[in-house]
Amino acid sequence: MDPRDEIENWFTYHKPFSDQPARYERIRAKAKELAVVIEECCAPCADRTATMRLLRLTIMSANSTIACNELPPW
């Protein structure tokens, strides 16, 4: 894919369709479960803060994978 096409895709709103909203929710729910385990098992420190930040980034990246790589039926 041309870099300009990638930029256009990454920075365009992709309206959810089909079962995408349910998959977004499934990813968020599992990540929330992991966040609770991390909070319960790990001491409060910079590393735990970074872990939570990276977990949030993981959710956003996973959702972006769904949004940016699936063609709507219309």
C-alpha atoms as a PDB file:
ATOM      1  CA  MET A   1       0.000   0.000   0.000  1.00  0.00           C
ATOM      2  CA  ASP A   2       1.206   3.471  -0.850  1.00  0.00           C
ATOM      3  CA  PRO A   3       2.226   5.462   2.261  1.00  0.00           C
ATOM      4  CA  ARG A   4      -0.263   8.218   1.405  1.00  0.00           C
ATOM      5  CA  ASP A   5      -3.049   5.636   1.229  1.00  0.00           C
ATOM      6  CA  GLU A   6      -2.016   4.288   4.634  1.00  0.00           C
ATOM      7  CA  ILE A   7      -2.077   7.795   6.102  1.00  0.00           C
ATOM      8  CA  GLU A   8      -5.512   8.392   4.613  1.00  0.00           C
ATOM      9  CA  ASN A   9      -6.770   5.123   6.090  1.00  0.00           C
ATOM     10  CA  TRP A  10      -5.237   5.667   9.540  1.00  0.00           C
ATOM     11  CA  PHE A  11      -6.571   9.196   9.924  1.00  0.00           C
ATOM     12  CA  THR A  12     -10.090   8.646   8.618  1.00  0.00           C
ATOM     13  CA  TYR A  13     -13.100   7.854  10.771  1.00  0.00           C
ATOM     14  CA  HIS A  14     -14.305   4.315  10.130  1.00  0.00           C
ATOM     15  CA  LYS A  15     -17.949   3.918  11.097  1.00  0.00           C
ATOM     16  CA  PRO A  16     -18.440   0.531  12.788  1.00  0.00           C
ATOM     17  CA  PHE A  17     -20.484  -2.050  10.942  1.00  0.00           C
ATOM     18  CA  SER A  18     -21.665  -5.619  11.348  1.00  0.00           C
ATOM     19  CA  ASP A  19     -20.226  -7.246  14.478  1.00  0.00           C
ATOM     20  CA  GLN A  20     -17.377  -4.757  14.927  1.00  0.00           C
ATOM     21  CA  PRO A  21     -18.884  -3.000  17.988  1.00  0.00           C
ATOM     22  CA  ALA A  22     -19.253  -6.361  19.735  1.00  0.00           C
ATOM     23  CA  ARG A  23     -15.635  -7.248  18.970  1.00  0.00           C
ATOM     24  CA  TYR A  24     -14.436  -3.856  20.237  1.00  0.00           C
ATOM     25  CA  GLU A  25     -16.324  -4.501  23.472  1.00  0.00           C
ATOM     26  CA  ARG A  26     -14.921  -8.021  23.785  1.00  0.00           C
ATOM     27  CA  ILE A  27     -11.367  -6.693  23.477  1.00  0.00           C
ATOM     28  CA  ARG A  28     -12.014  -3.929  26.032  1.00  0.00           C
ATOM     29  CA  ALA A  29     -13.625  -6.363  28.480  1.00  0.00           C
ATOM     30  CA  LYS A  30     -10.700  -8.791  28.377  1.00  0.00           C
ATOM     31  CA  ALA A  31      -8.191  -5.960  28.682  1.00  0.00           C
ATOM     32  CA  LYS A  32     -10.111  -4.641  31.699  1.00  0.00           C
ATOM     33  CA  GLU A  33      -9.878  -8.082  33.319  1.00  0.00           C
ATOM     34  CA  LEU A  34      -6.120  -8.035  32.764  1.00  0.00           C
ATOM     35  CA  ALA A  35      -5.865  -4.468  34.092  1.00  0.00           C
ATOM     36  CA  VAL A  36      -7.569  -5.561  37.323  1.00  0.00           C
ATOM     37  CA  VAL A  37      -5.166  -8.505  37.689  1.00  0.00           C
ATOM     38  CA  ILE A  38      -2.182  -6.214  37.106  1.00  0.00           C
ATOM     39  CA  GLU A  39      -3.502  -3.712  39.647  1.00  0.00           C
ATOM     40  CA  GLU A  40      -4.021  -6.499  42.209  1.00  0.00           C
ATOM     41  CA  CYS A  41      -0.683  -8.250  41.621  1.00  0.00           C
ATOM     42  CA  CYS A  42       1.761  -5.437  40.934  1.00  0.00           C
ATOM     43  CA  ALA A  43       3.045  -2.780  43.286  1.00  0.00           C
ATOM     44  CA  PRO A  44       2.175   0.810  42.404  1.00  0.00           C
ATOM     45  CA  CYS A  45       5.210   2.149  40.576  1.00  0.00           C
ATOM     46  CA  ALA A  46       6.306   3.614  37.279  1.00  0.00           C
ATOM     47  CA  ASP A  47       6.423   0.153  35.704  1.00  0.00           C
ATOM     48  CA  ARG A  48       2.803  -0.555  36.604  1.00  0.00           C
ATOM     49  CA  THR A  49       1.808   2.824  35.214  1.00  0.00           C
ATOM     50  CA  ALA A  50       3.672   2.030  31.986  1.00  0.00           C
ATOM     51  CA  THR A  51       2.021  -1.378  31.850  1.00  0.00           C
ATOM     52  CA  MET A  52      -1.437   0.168  32.061  1.00  0.00           C
ATOM     53  CA  ARG A  53      -0.532   2.731  29.414  1.00  0.00           C
ATOM     54  CA  LEU A  54       0.714  -0.016  27.099  1.00  0.00           C
ATOM     55  CA  LEU A  55      -2.404  -2.075  27.737  1.00  0.00           C
ATOM     56  CA  ARG A  56      -4.510   0.914  26.672  1.00  0.00           C
ATOM     57  CA  LEU A  57      -2.344   1.273  23.568  1.00  0.00           C
ATOM     58  CA  THR A  58      -2.840  -2.423  22.851  1.00  0.00           C
ATOM     59  CA  ILE A  59      -6.628  -1.992  22.952  1.00  0.00           C
ATOM     60  CA  MET A  60      -6.449   1.004  20.632  1.00  0.00           C
ATOM     61  CA  SER A  61      -4.163  -0.856  18.222  1.00  0.00           C
ATOM     62  CA  ALA A  62      -6.411  -3.907  18.195  1.00  0.00           C
ATOM     63  CA  ASN A  63      -9.460  -1.745  17.535  1.00  0.00           C
ATOM     64  CA  SER A  64      -7.583   0.064  14.788  1.00  0.00           C
ATOM     65  CA  THR A  65      -6.781  -3.289  13.217  1.00  0.00           C
ATOM     66  CA  ILE A  66     -10.496  -4.012  13.032  1.00  0.00           C
ATOM     67  CA  ALA A  67     -11.489  -0.538  11.844  1.00  0.00           C
ATOM     68  CA  CYS A  68      -8.772   0.022   9.261  1.00  0.00           C
ATOM     69  CA  ASN A  69      -8.523  -3.421   7.693  1.00  0.00           C
ATOM     70  CA  GLU A  70     -12.096  -4.470   7.064  1.00  0.00           C
ATOM     71  CA  LEU A  71     -14.235  -3.200   4.229  1.00  0.00           C
ATOM     72  CA  PRO A  72     -17.829  -2.199   4.992  1.00  0.00           C
ATOM     73  CA  PRO A  73     -20.540  -3.951   3.017  1.00  0.00           C
ATOM     74  CA  TRP A  74     -21.797  -0.696   1.489  1.00  0.00           C
END
